[in-house]
Amino acid sequence: MTPLVRRFLKTAIAFLAAGLLVGVWLSAWRHFGFLEDHYPSVSAHTHLLLVGFVMMMIMGVALWMFPRPAADDSSYRPERMVLVYWLLATAVPVRAAAEIFSSWTSAQLPHVVAFAASLVEVLAILLFFVNLWPRIRSPREQWEKSRGATSATPPAESASRER
């Protein structure tokens, strides 16, 4: 497991903890009647869990489990994945904080910041999957490439046909 994969996974767990804490905070405020307009905070709670925890966990596991890029593939760039990590690790808490802050003020700035952070998140997620795309390939494709795409049957298929 690479350091970047560990960073994705550990950050995902940190976002899980933050999302749970915001959820407990919301629950306390709701059940004790302190917060009237809590939608932005609910959005922050949900966002920390879904984008922060779930998406970062999916990305970390995908980086870990998907095949390494082909040796001759120059389209995959590891530094893009580092950029994706930093974009998400920054945008998720900024958006959550802006959402929570917007519950407490009528100012427009928290809404603008939350929207800008959401655009950064979308950009990061798209960049992740564009960069991961070359790693989504079948073993057969690899085998055919290594054999020069001859008409011979791959070893796994010939063994299954014999049975």
Protein backbone atom coordinates (compact mmCIF):
# COMPACT_ATOMS: atom_id res chain seq x y z
CA MET A 1 0.00 0.00 0.00
CA THR A 2 1.49 3.31 -1.08
CA PRO A 3 1.71 6.39 1.16
CA LEU A 4 -0.89 8.17 -1.03
CA VAL A 5 -3.36 5.31 -0.60
CA ARG A 6 -2.83 5.39 3.18
CA ARG A 7 -3.34 9.16 3.11
CA PHE A 8 -6.67 8.77 1.26
CA LEU A 9 -7.86 6.08 3.68
CA LYS A 10 -6.78 7.87 6.86
CA THR A 11 -8.28 11.15 5.67
CA ALA A 12 -11.51 9.32 4.89
CA ILE A 13 -11.60 8.06 8.48
CA ALA A 14 -10.95 11.59 9.75
CA PHE A 15 -13.91 12.83 7.68
CA LEU A 16 -16.03 10.03 9.13
CA ALA A 17 -15.16 11.23 12.64
CA ALA A 18 -15.91 14.85 11.69
CA GLY A 19 -19.21 13.86 10.08
CA LEU A 20 -20.23 11.88 13.15
CA LEU A 21 -19.33 14.77 15.45
CA VAL A 22 -21.38 17.20 13.37
CA GLY A 23 -24.24 14.67 13.47
CA VAL A 24 -24.11 14.44 17.26
CA TRP A 25 -23.95 18.24 17.46
CA LEU A 26 -27.01 18.52 15.19
CA SER A 27 -28.86 15.92 17.21
CA ALA A 28 -28.22 17.79 20.44
CA TRP A 29 -29.31 21.08 18.92
CA ARG A 30 -32.44 19.55 17.41
CA HIS A 31 -33.56 17.64 20.48
CA PHE A 32 -32.92 20.53 22.84
CA GLY A 33 -34.58 23.08 20.51
CA PHE A 34 -31.69 25.47 19.93
CA LEU A 35 -31.44 25.50 16.16
CA GLU A 36 -34.32 26.52 13.93
CA ASP A 37 -32.74 26.66 10.45
CA HIS A 38 -30.45 23.66 10.49
CA TYR A 39 -30.56 22.66 6.82
CA PRO A 40 -27.08 24.01 5.98
CA SER A 41 -25.61 22.09 8.92
CA VAL A 42 -27.42 18.92 7.87
CA SER A 43 -25.95 19.43 4.41
CA ALA A 44 -22.47 19.78 5.95
CA HIS A 45 -22.98 16.60 8.01
CA THR A 46 -24.15 14.62 4.99
CA HIS A 47 -21.40 16.05 2.84
CA LEU A 48 -18.65 15.14 5.32
CA LEU A 49 -19.93 11.57 5.34
CA LEU A 50 -20.67 11.07 1.65
CA VAL A 51 -17.95 13.02 -0.11
CA GLY A 52 -15.42 13.19 2.70
CA PHE A 53 -15.68 9.64 4.01
CA VAL A 54 -17.28 7.51 1.30
CA MET A 55 -15.71 9.13 -1.76
CA MET A 56 -12.23 9.37 -0.25
CA MET A 57 -12.48 5.74 0.89
CA ILE A 58 -13.57 4.62 -2.59
CA MET A 59 -10.71 6.57 -4.15
CA GLY A 60 -8.13 5.14 -1.76
CA VAL A 61 -9.31 1.58 -2.30
CA ALA A 62 -9.45 2.08 -6.09
CA LEU A 63 -5.88 3.37 -6.11
CA TRP A 64 -4.83 0.39 -4.04
CA MET A 65 -6.73 -2.37 -5.88
CA PHE A 66 -6.73 -1.38 -9.54
CA PRO A 67 -3.89 -2.70 -11.68
CA ARG A 68 -0.80 -0.57 -11.95
CA PRO A 69 -0.61 1.48 -15.12
CA ALA A 70 0.85 -0.31 -18.12
CA ALA A 71 4.59 0.28 -18.55
CA ASP A 72 4.07 2.02 -21.89
CA ASP A 73 1.14 4.14 -20.66
CA SER A 74 2.11 7.78 -20.26
CA SER A 75 -1.44 9.05 -19.69
CA TYR A 76 -1.56 8.00 -16.02
CA ARG A 77 0.11 10.62 -13.84
CA PRO A 78 0.58 9.88 -10.12
CA GLU A 79 1.07 13.57 -9.39
CA ARG A 80 -2.52 14.15 -10.55
CA MET A 81 -3.71 11.79 -7.82
CA VAL A 82 -1.76 13.81 -5.28
CA LEU A 83 -3.46 16.94 -6.62
CA VAL A 84 -6.86 15.21 -6.36
CA TYR A 85 -6.10 14.32 -2.76
CA TRP A 86 -5.21 17.90 -1.81
CA LEU A 87 -8.15 19.39 -3.68
CA LEU A 88 -10.62 17.11 -1.88
CA ALA A 89 -8.89 17.25 1.49
CA THR A 90 -9.14 21.03 1.33
CA ALA A 91 -12.52 21.53 -0.36
CA VAL A 92 -14.54 19.12 1.81
CA PRO A 93 -13.82 20.80 5.18
CA VAL A 94 -14.04 24.28 3.62
CA ARG A 95 -17.47 23.48 2.22
CA ALA A 96 -18.63 21.91 5.47
CA ALA A 97 -17.43 24.89 7.51
CA ALA A 98 -19.04 27.34 5.10
CA GLU A 99 -22.33 25.42 5.26
CA ILE A 100 -22.29 25.40 9.07
CA PHE A 101 -21.32 29.08 9.21
CA SER A 102 -24.16 29.96 6.83
CA SER A 103 -26.58 28.69 9.52
CA TRP A 104 -25.38 31.44 11.83
CA THR A 105 -25.26 34.43 9.49
CA SER A 106 -27.28 36.04 6.74
CA ALA A 107 -24.12 37.04 4.87
CA GLN A 108 -23.70 35.83 1.30
CA LEU A 109 -20.00 34.95 1.61
CA PRO A 110 -20.45 31.49 3.21
CA HIS A 111 -22.77 30.50 0.36
CA VAL A 112 -20.26 31.65 -2.25
CA VAL A 113 -17.45 29.78 -0.47
CA ALA A 114 -19.57 26.60 -0.17
CA PHE A 115 -20.44 26.76 -3.87
CA ALA A 116 -16.81 27.37 -4.90
CA ALA A 117 -15.69 24.44 -2.73
CA SER A 118 -18.32 22.21 -4.34
CA LEU A 119 -16.94 23.11 -7.78
CA VAL A 120 -13.44 22.16 -6.60
CA GLU A 121 -14.80 18.82 -5.35
CA VAL A 122 -16.45 18.07 -8.70
CA LEU A 123 -13.24 18.97 -10.51
CA ALA A 124 -11.20 16.72 -8.19
CA ILE A 125 -13.55 13.75 -8.59
CA LEU A 126 -13.61 14.10 -12.39
CA LEU A 127 -9.82 14.42 -12.48
CA PHE A 128 -9.52 11.29 -10.34
CA PHE A 129 -11.57 9.16 -12.72
CA VAL A 130 -10.02 10.63 -15.86
CA ASN A 131 -6.62 9.76 -14.44
CA LEU A 132 -7.76 6.30 -13.27
CA TRP A 133 -9.34 5.42 -16.65
CA PRO A 134 -6.19 3.86 -18.18
CA ARG A 135 -5.91 1.54 -15.19
CA ILE A 136 -9.36 0.07 -15.87
CA ARG A 137 -8.46 -2.78 -18.17
CA SER A 138 -8.92 -6.52 -18.34
CA PRO A 139 -6.19 -9.13 -17.90
CA ARG A 140 -7.04 -10.34 -21.41
CA GLU A 141 -6.16 -6.93 -22.85
CA GLN A 142 -2.80 -7.09 -21.11
CA TRP A 143 -2.19 -10.62 -22.33
CA GLU A 144 -3.10 -9.76 -25.92
CA LYS A 145 -0.86 -6.71 -25.84
CA SER A 146 2.07 -8.74 -24.54
CA ARG A 147 1.52 -11.45 -27.19
CA GLY A 148 1.13 -8.96 -30.04
CA ALA A 149 -2.61 -9.69 -30.34
CA THR A 150 -2.10 -13.14 -31.87
CA SER A 151 -5.05 -15.42 -32.37
CA ALA A 152 -3.95 -17.84 -29.65
CA THR A 153 -6.32 -18.33 -26.76
CA PRO A 154 -5.26 -16.91 -23.38
CA PRO A 155 -4.15 -19.58 -20.89
CA ALA A 156 -7.11 -19.00 -18.54
CA GLU A 157 -9.64 -19.41 -21.33
CA SER A 158 -8.03 -22.53 -22.80
CA ALA A 159 -8.02 -24.18 -19.35
CA SER A 160 -11.70 -23.39 -18.86
CA ARG A 161 -12.58 -24.78 -22.29
CA GLU A 162 -10.91 -28.08 -21.49
CA ARG A 163 -13.18 -28.64 -18.50
